[in-house]
Amino acid sequence: MRRLLLTLALMLPLAASADTAPRVALETTEGTIVIELYPDKAPATVANFLQYVDDGFYDGTVFHRVIPRFMIQGGGFTRDYQQKETRTPVTNEADNGLRNERGTLAMARTSDPHSATAQFFINTVNNTNLNHRGKSPGGWGYAVFGKVVEGMDVVDRISALPTGRGTLNGMPAGDVPNRPVEIRSAQRATEQAAPDTTGEKDTTQ
């Protein structure tokens, strides 16, 4: 009996560790956004994102693309809209069963499905057209790897800001906020117990 109790005691820290999810706090000029990440669903994407966070890469970057009723995108340009140098791209994990629903965090990329580096976006509505449909160039979709758990009002406030024509890396671009929305800092926040998803609908397609 004593041996059984000892075994259970040793297992408790492991269980607690498995039930936690990393969080990142984005301190912006519009307020704080706290994001919970899903390393169990998107391990490579979360590791990539956290490395940029730990390196201080996102500090001083801006939300450079804002489209109401769609998403806000940031994490790649400085306050003067110059693009930052990034590491090598990460593999697209959009086939993980997570959907681009309101409040979720996903990786931005080019037309190449596996070109995501540092830039990310937060969905402000359910964007079903961005979900994974198949492993083809047009069907890969955009990898969701987290969700806003605090500060969705800040996201909505950013989404409602006036935008217009601007320049990104010296090139003309649309949907640029009329005044910079800066990410002053991005830091790991206190980890919380992961939500119990028992009984929730399956998000696979």
C-alpha atoms as a PDB file:
ATOM      1  CA  MET A   1       0.000   0.000   0.000  1.00  0.00           C
ATOM      2  CA  ARG A   2       2.851   2.372   0.913  1.00  0.00           C
ATOM      3  CA  ARG A   3       4.547   1.572  -2.401  1.00  0.00           C
ATOM      4  CA  LEU A   4       1.317   2.338  -4.308  1.00  0.00           C
ATOM      5  CA  LEU A   5       0.966   5.707  -2.562  1.00  0.00           C
ATOM      6  CA  LEU A   6       4.577   6.563  -3.383  1.00  0.00           C
ATOM      7  CA  THR A   7       4.014   5.695  -7.047  1.00  0.00           C
ATOM      8  CA  LEU A   8       0.909   7.885  -7.185  1.00  0.00           C
ATOM      9  CA  ALA A   9       2.776  10.756  -5.545  1.00  0.00           C
ATOM     10  CA  LEU A  10       5.523  10.540  -8.146  1.00  0.00           C
ATOM     11  CA  MET A  11       2.963  10.561 -10.947  1.00  0.00           C
ATOM     12  CA  LEU A  12       1.158  13.708  -9.741  1.00  0.00           C
ATOM     13  CA  PRO A  13       3.811  16.237 -10.913  1.00  0.00           C
ATOM     14  CA  LEU A  14       3.827  14.578 -14.324  1.00  0.00           C
ATOM     15  CA  ALA A  15       0.046  14.811 -14.579  1.00  0.00           C
ATOM     16  CA  ALA A  16       0.103  18.450 -13.512  1.00  0.00           C
ATOM     17  CA  SER A  17       2.756  19.214 -16.112  1.00  0.00           C
ATOM     18  CA  ALA A  18       0.703  17.541 -18.858  1.00  0.00           C
ATOM     19  CA  ASP A  19      -2.367  19.583 -17.899  1.00  0.00           C
ATOM     20  CA  THR A  20      -0.716  23.000 -18.278  1.00  0.00           C
ATOM     21  CA  ALA A  21      -0.561  25.120 -21.390  1.00  0.00           C
ATOM     22  CA  PRO A  22       1.967  27.911 -22.009  1.00  0.00           C
ATOM     23  CA  ARG A  23       0.666  31.460 -22.198  1.00  0.00           C
ATOM     24  CA  VAL A  24       2.140  34.581 -23.752  1.00  0.00           C
ATOM     25  CA  ALA A  25       1.194  38.148 -22.875  1.00  0.00           C
ATOM     26  CA  LEU A  26       1.369  40.733 -25.660  1.00  0.00           C
ATOM     27  CA  GLU A  27       1.641  44.215 -24.177  1.00  0.00           C
ATOM     28  CA  THR A  28       0.418  46.536 -26.924  1.00  0.00           C
ATOM     29  CA  THR A  29      -0.248  50.254 -27.186  1.00  0.00           C
ATOM     30  CA  GLU A  30      -3.963  49.371 -27.125  1.00  0.00           C
ATOM     31  CA  GLY A  31      -3.822  47.057 -24.103  1.00  0.00           C
ATOM     32  CA  THR A  32      -2.784  43.541 -23.127  1.00  0.00           C
ATOM     33  CA  ILE A  33      -3.630  40.371 -25.046  1.00  0.00           C
ATOM     34  CA  VAL A  34      -3.004  37.008 -23.358  1.00  0.00           C
ATOM     35  CA  ILE A  35      -2.732  33.976 -25.600  1.00  0.00           C
ATOM     36  CA  GLU A  36      -2.844  30.319 -24.587  1.00  0.00           C
ATOM     37  CA  LEU A  37      -0.819  28.019 -26.836  1.00  0.00           C
ATOM     38  CA  TYR A  38      -1.490  24.428 -27.897  1.00  0.00           C
ATOM     39  CA  PRO A  39       1.831  22.519 -28.056  1.00  0.00           C
ATOM     40  CA  ASP A  40      -0.046  19.220 -28.114  1.00  0.00           C
ATOM     41  CA  LYS A  41      -1.753  20.185 -31.383  1.00  0.00           C
ATOM     42  CA  ALA A  42       0.985  22.263 -33.043  1.00  0.00           C
ATOM     43  CA  PRO A  43       4.318  21.390 -31.389  1.00  0.00           C
ATOM     44  CA  ALA A  44       6.625  22.785 -34.081  1.00  0.00           C
ATOM     45  CA  THR A  45       4.620  25.999 -34.471  1.00  0.00           C
ATOM     46  CA  VAL A  46       4.428  26.644 -30.721  1.00  0.00           C
ATOM     47  CA  ALA A  47       8.149  25.958 -30.273  1.00  0.00           C
ATOM     48  CA  ASN A  48       8.909  28.340 -33.140  1.00  0.00           C
ATOM     49  CA  PHE A  49       6.669  31.080 -31.702  1.00  0.00           C
ATOM     50  CA  LEU A  50       8.063  30.732 -28.170  1.00  0.00           C
ATOM     51  CA  GLN A  51      11.618  30.942 -29.482  1.00  0.00           C
ATOM     52  CA  TYR A  52      10.799  34.291 -31.083  1.00  0.00           C
ATOM     53  CA  VAL A  53       9.156  35.380 -27.805  1.00  0.00           C
ATOM     54  CA  ASP A  54      12.159  34.331 -25.718  1.00  0.00           C
ATOM     55  CA  ASP A  55      14.522  36.085 -28.144  1.00  0.00           C
ATOM     56  CA  GLY A  56      12.601  39.355 -27.739  1.00  0.00           C
ATOM     57  CA  PHE A  57      11.904  39.358 -31.472  1.00  0.00           C
ATOM     58  CA  TYR A  58       8.346  40.663 -31.172  1.00  0.00           C
ATOM     59  CA  ASP A  59       9.229  43.557 -28.867  1.00  0.00           C
ATOM     60  CA  GLY A  60       8.770  46.774 -30.830  1.00  0.00           C
ATOM     61  CA  THR A  61       6.992  45.140 -33.772  1.00  0.00           C
ATOM     62  CA  VAL A  62       3.547  46.266 -34.928  1.00  0.00           C
ATOM     63  CA  PHE A  63       0.211  45.008 -36.174  1.00  0.00           C
ATOM     64  CA  HIS A  64       0.830  46.076 -39.752  1.00  0.00           C
ATOM     65  CA  ARG A  65      -2.275  44.633 -41.417  1.00  0.00           C
ATOM     66  CA  VAL A  66      -5.746  45.139 -40.002  1.00  0.00           C
ATOM     67  CA  ILE A  67      -8.925  44.069 -41.799  1.00  0.00           C
ATOM     68  CA  PRO A  68     -12.265  44.470 -39.940  1.00  0.00           C
ATOM     69  CA  ARG A  69     -14.442  41.358 -39.734  1.00  0.00           C
ATOM     70  CA  PHE A  70     -11.421  39.256 -40.741  1.00  0.00           C
ATOM     71  CA  MET A  71      -8.186  39.416 -38.706  1.00  0.00           C
ATOM     72  CA  ILE A  72      -5.302  41.511 -37.356  1.00  0.00           C
ATOM     73  CA  GLN A  73      -1.771  40.551 -38.424  1.00  0.00           C
ATOM     74  CA  GLY A  74       1.549  41.395 -36.847  1.00  0.00           C
ATOM     75  CA  GLY A  75       4.915  40.206 -35.622  1.00  0.00           C
ATOM     76  CA  GLY A  76       7.090  40.945 -38.638  1.00  0.00           C
ATOM     77  CA  PHE A  77       7.597  44.697 -39.048  1.00  0.00           C
ATOM     78  CA  THR A  78       9.161  47.384 -36.877  1.00  0.00           C
ATOM     79  CA  ARG A  79       7.423  50.603 -35.894  1.00  0.00           C
ATOM     80  CA  ASP A  80       8.771  52.262 -39.054  1.00  0.00           C
ATOM     81  CA  TYR A  81       7.396  49.347 -41.117  1.00  0.00           C
ATOM     82  CA  GLN A  82      10.702  47.697 -41.939  1.00  0.00           C
ATOM     83  CA  GLN A  83      10.606  43.909 -42.098  1.00  0.00           C
ATOM     84  CA  LYS A  84      12.707  42.018 -39.579  1.00  0.00           C
ATOM     85  CA  GLU A  85      15.016  39.160 -40.504  1.00  0.00           C
ATOM     86  CA  THR A  86      13.645  35.789 -39.430  1.00  0.00           C
ATOM     87  CA  ARG A  87      14.763  32.209 -38.959  1.00  0.00           C
ATOM     88  CA  THR A  88      13.971  29.399 -41.387  1.00  0.00           C
ATOM     89  CA  PRO A  89      10.265  28.634 -42.034  1.00  0.00           C
ATOM     90  CA  VAL A  90       8.298  26.183 -39.927  1.00  0.00           C
ATOM     91  CA  THR A  91       6.335  23.199 -41.240  1.00  0.00           C
ATOM     92  CA  ASN A  92       2.627  23.920 -41.724  1.00  0.00           C
ATOM     93  CA  GLU A  93       0.611  22.154 -39.014  1.00  0.00           C
ATOM     94  CA  ALA A  94      -2.812  23.298 -40.223  1.00  0.00           C
ATOM     95  CA  ASP A  95      -3.893  19.643 -40.420  1.00  0.00           C
ATOM     96  CA  ASN A  96      -4.037  19.465 -36.609  1.00  0.00           C
ATOM     97  CA  GLY A  97      -7.833  19.674 -36.375  1.00  0.00           C
ATOM     98  CA  LEU A  98      -7.944  23.251 -35.022  1.00  0.00           C
ATOM     99  CA  ARG A  99     -10.054  25.752 -36.936  1.00  0.00           C
ATOM    100  CA  ASN A 100      -9.626  29.427 -37.661  1.00  0.00           C
ATOM    101  CA  GLU A 101     -12.376  30.578 -35.332  1.00  0.00           C
ATOM    102  CA  ARG A 102     -12.834  33.938 -33.649  1.00  0.00           C
ATOM    103  CA  GLY A 103     -10.054  34.587 -31.152  1.00  0.00           C
ATOM    104  CA  THR A 104      -7.674  31.933 -32.438  1.00  0.00           C
ATOM    105  CA  LEU A 105      -4.032  32.609 -33.254  1.00  0.00           C
ATOM    106  CA  ALA A 106      -2.594  31.329 -36.540  1.00  0.00           C
ATOM    107  CA  MET A 107       0.590  31.639 -38.564  1.00  0.00           C
ATOM    108  CA  ALA A 108       0.697  34.030 -41.507  1.00  0.00           C
ATOM    109  CA  ARG A 109       2.507  32.878 -44.641  1.00  0.00           C
ATOM    110  CA  THR A 110       2.945  33.390 -48.370  1.00  0.00           C
ATOM    111  CA  SER A 111       1.308  31.214 -51.047  1.00  0.00           C
ATOM    112  CA  ASP A 112       3.843  28.522 -50.126  1.00  0.00           C
ATOM    113  CA  PRO A 113       2.080  26.417 -47.460  1.00  0.00           C
ATOM    114  CA  HIS A 114       5.322  25.888 -45.541  1.00  0.00           C
ATOM    115  CA  SER A 115       6.661  29.457 -45.581  1.00  0.00           C
ATOM    116  CA  ALA A 116       5.533  30.733 -42.149  1.00  0.00           C
ATOM    117  CA  THR A 117       8.275  32.269 -40.006  1.00  0.00           C
ATOM    118  CA  ALA A 118       7.414  34.887 -37.360  1.00  0.00           C
ATOM    119  CA  GLN A 119       4.270  36.690 -38.476  1.00  0.00           C
ATOM    120  CA  PHE A 120       0.962  35.662 -36.956  1.00  0.00           C
ATOM    121  CA  PHE A 121      -2.652  36.793 -37.023  1.00  0.00           C
ATOM    122  CA  ILE A 122      -5.626  36.740 -34.696  1.00  0.00           C
ATOM    123  CA  ASN A 123      -8.979  35.837 -36.240  1.00  0.00           C
ATOM    124  CA  THR A 124     -11.710  38.323 -35.344  1.00  0.00           C
ATOM    125  CA  VAL A 125     -14.459  36.179 -36.909  1.00  0.00           C
ATOM    126  CA  ASN A 126     -14.824  32.518 -37.890  1.00  0.00           C
ATOM    127  CA  ASN A 127     -12.725  32.265 -41.062  1.00  0.00           C
ATOM    128  CA  THR A 128     -13.672  28.845 -42.387  1.00  0.00           C
ATOM    129  CA  ASN A 129     -11.963  29.577 -45.713  1.00  0.00           C
ATOM    130  CA  LEU A 130      -8.602  29.517 -43.899  1.00  0.00           C
ATOM    131  CA  ASN A 131      -9.060  25.989 -42.537  1.00  0.00           C
ATOM    132  CA  HIS A 132      -7.150  22.939 -43.721  1.00  0.00           C
ATOM    133  CA  ARG A 133      -8.940  21.092 -46.532  1.00  0.00           C
ATOM    134  CA  GLY A 134      -6.201  18.887 -47.923  1.00  0.00           C
ATOM    135  CA  LYS A 135      -2.462  18.626 -48.493  1.00  0.00           C
ATOM    136  CA  SER A 136      -2.417  20.577 -51.730  1.00  0.00           C
ATOM    137  CA  PRO A 137      -1.072  24.108 -52.339  1.00  0.00           C
ATOM    138  CA  GLY A 138      -4.593  25.540 -52.269  1.00  0.00           C
ATOM    139  CA  GLY A 139      -5.955  23.385 -49.476  1.00  0.00           C
ATOM    140  CA  TRP A 140      -3.317  23.440 -46.747  1.00  0.00           C
ATOM    141  CA  GLY A 141      -4.862  26.335 -44.872  1.00  0.00           C
ATOM    142  CA  TYR A 142      -3.356  28.334 -42.010  1.00  0.00           C
ATOM    143  CA  ALA A 143      -2.053  26.670 -38.857  1.00  0.00           C
ATOM    144  CA  VAL A 144      -3.915  27.545 -35.662  1.00  0.00           C
ATOM    145  CA  PHE A 145      -1.712  27.131 -32.574  1.00  0.00           C
ATOM    146  CA  GLY A 146      -3.352  29.156 -29.809  1.00  0.00           C
ATOM    147  CA  LYS A 147      -6.267  31.264 -28.658  1.00  0.00           C
ATOM    148  CA  VAL A 148      -6.839  34.595 -26.939  1.00  0.00           C
ATOM    149  CA  VAL A 149      -7.931  33.966 -23.345  1.00  0.00           C
ATOM    150  CA  GLU A 150      -7.740  37.574 -22.126  1.00  0.00           C
ATOM    151  CA  GLY A 151      -7.969  40.854 -24.017  1.00  0.00           C
ATOM    152  CA  MET A 152     -10.291  40.023 -26.895  1.00  0.00           C
ATOM    153  CA  ASP A 153     -11.682  43.518 -26.371  1.00  0.00           C
ATOM    154  CA  VAL A 154      -8.200  44.825 -27.212  1.00  0.00           C
ATOM    155  CA  VAL A 155      -8.169  42.746 -30.403  1.00  0.00           C
ATOM    156  CA  ASP A 156     -11.570  44.158 -31.373  1.00  0.00           C
ATOM    157  CA  ARG A 157     -10.362  47.679 -30.640  1.00  0.00           C
ATOM    158  CA  ILE A 158      -7.360  47.197 -32.918  1.00  0.00           C
ATOM    159  CA  SER A 159      -9.622  45.694 -35.579  1.00  0.00           C
ATOM    160  CA  ALA A 160     -11.797  48.827 -35.527  1.00  0.00           C
ATOM    161  CA  LEU A 161      -8.932  51.291 -36.019  1.00  0.00           C
ATOM    162  CA  PRO A 162      -8.872  53.364 -39.239  1.00  0.00           C
ATOM    163  CA  THR A 163      -6.579  51.975 -41.928  1.00  0.00           C
ATOM    164  CA  GLY A 164      -5.412  53.029 -45.363  1.00  0.00           C
ATOM    165  CA  ARG A 165      -2.581  52.860 -47.847  1.00  0.00           C
ATOM    166  CA  GLY A 166       0.925  52.688 -46.451  1.00  0.00           C
ATOM    167  CA  THR A 167       4.338  51.228 -47.154  1.00  0.00           C
ATOM    168  CA  LEU A 168       5.850  47.996 -45.876  1.00  0.00           C
ATOM    169  CA  ASN A 169       9.575  47.688 -46.499  1.00  0.00           C
ATOM    170  CA  GLY A 170       9.229  50.627 -48.884  1.00  0.00           C
ATOM    171  CA  MET A 171       6.543  48.900 -50.955  1.00  0.00           C
ATOM    172  CA  PRO A 172       2.927  50.138 -51.225  1.00  0.00           C
ATOM    173  CA  ALA A 173       0.485  48.163 -49.097  1.00  0.00           C
ATOM    174  CA  GLY A 174      -3.135  48.367 -48.032  1.00  0.00           C
ATOM    175  CA  ASP A 175      -4.930  47.842 -44.707  1.00  0.00           C
ATOM    176  CA  VAL A 176      -2.132  49.543 -42.743  1.00  0.00           C
ATOM    177  CA  PRO A 177      -3.313  51.256 -39.520  1.00  0.00           C
ATOM    178  CA  ASN A 178      -3.193  55.054 -39.771  1.00  0.00           C
ATOM    179  CA  ARG A 179      -1.189  55.090 -36.552  1.00  0.00           C
ATOM    180  CA  PRO A 180       1.176  52.306 -35.445  1.00  0.00           C
ATOM    181  CA  VAL A 181      -0.180  49.662 -33.088  1.00  0.00           C
ATOM    182  CA  GLU A 182       2.965  48.501 -31.348  1.00  0.00           C
ATOM    183  CA  ILE A 183       3.676  45.278 -29.481  1.00  0.00           C
ATOM    184  CA  ARG A 184       5.759  46.795 -26.694  1.00  0.00           C
ATOM    185  CA  SER A 185       6.663  43.397 -25.307  1.00  0.00           C
ATOM    186  CA  ALA A 186       5.848  39.720 -25.726  1.00  0.00           C
ATOM    187  CA  GLN A 187       6.632  37.570 -22.714  1.00  0.00           C
ATOM    188  CA  ARG A 188       5.700  34.212 -21.307  1.00  0.00           C
ATOM    189  CA  ALA A 189       2.907  34.526 -18.779  1.00  0.00           C
ATOM    190  CA  THR A 190       2.077  32.301 -15.824  1.00  0.00           C
ATOM    191  CA  GLU A 191       0.974  28.909 -17.070  1.00  0.00           C
ATOM    192  CA  GLN A 192      -2.572  27.916 -16.185  1.00  0.00           C
ATOM    193  CA  ALA A 193      -4.358  24.598 -16.130  1.00  0.00           C
ATOM    194  CA  ALA A 194      -5.464  23.633 -19.610  1.00  0.00           C
ATOM    195  CA  PRO A 195      -9.252  23.714 -20.129  1.00  0.00           C
ATOM    196  CA  ASP A 196     -11.157  20.444 -19.979  1.00  0.00           C
ATOM    197  CA  THR A 197     -12.336  19.771 -23.517  1.00  0.00           C
ATOM    198  CA  THR A 198     -14.258  16.630 -22.633  1.00  0.00           C
ATOM    199  CA  GLY A 199     -17.554  16.668 -24.432  1.00  0.00           C
ATOM    200  CA  GLU A 200     -16.631  19.510 -26.758  1.00  0.00           C
ATOM    201  CA  LYS A 201     -17.312  19.150 -30.444  1.00  0.00           C
ATOM    202  CA  ASP A 202     -14.581  17.610 -32.562  1.00  0.00           C
ATOM    203  CA  THR A 203     -12.892  20.391 -34.549  1.00  0.00           C
ATOM    204  CA  THR A 204     -11.563  18.082 -37.260  1.00  0.00           C
ATOM    205  CA  GLN A 205     -12.991  18.446 -40.716  1.00  0.00           C
END
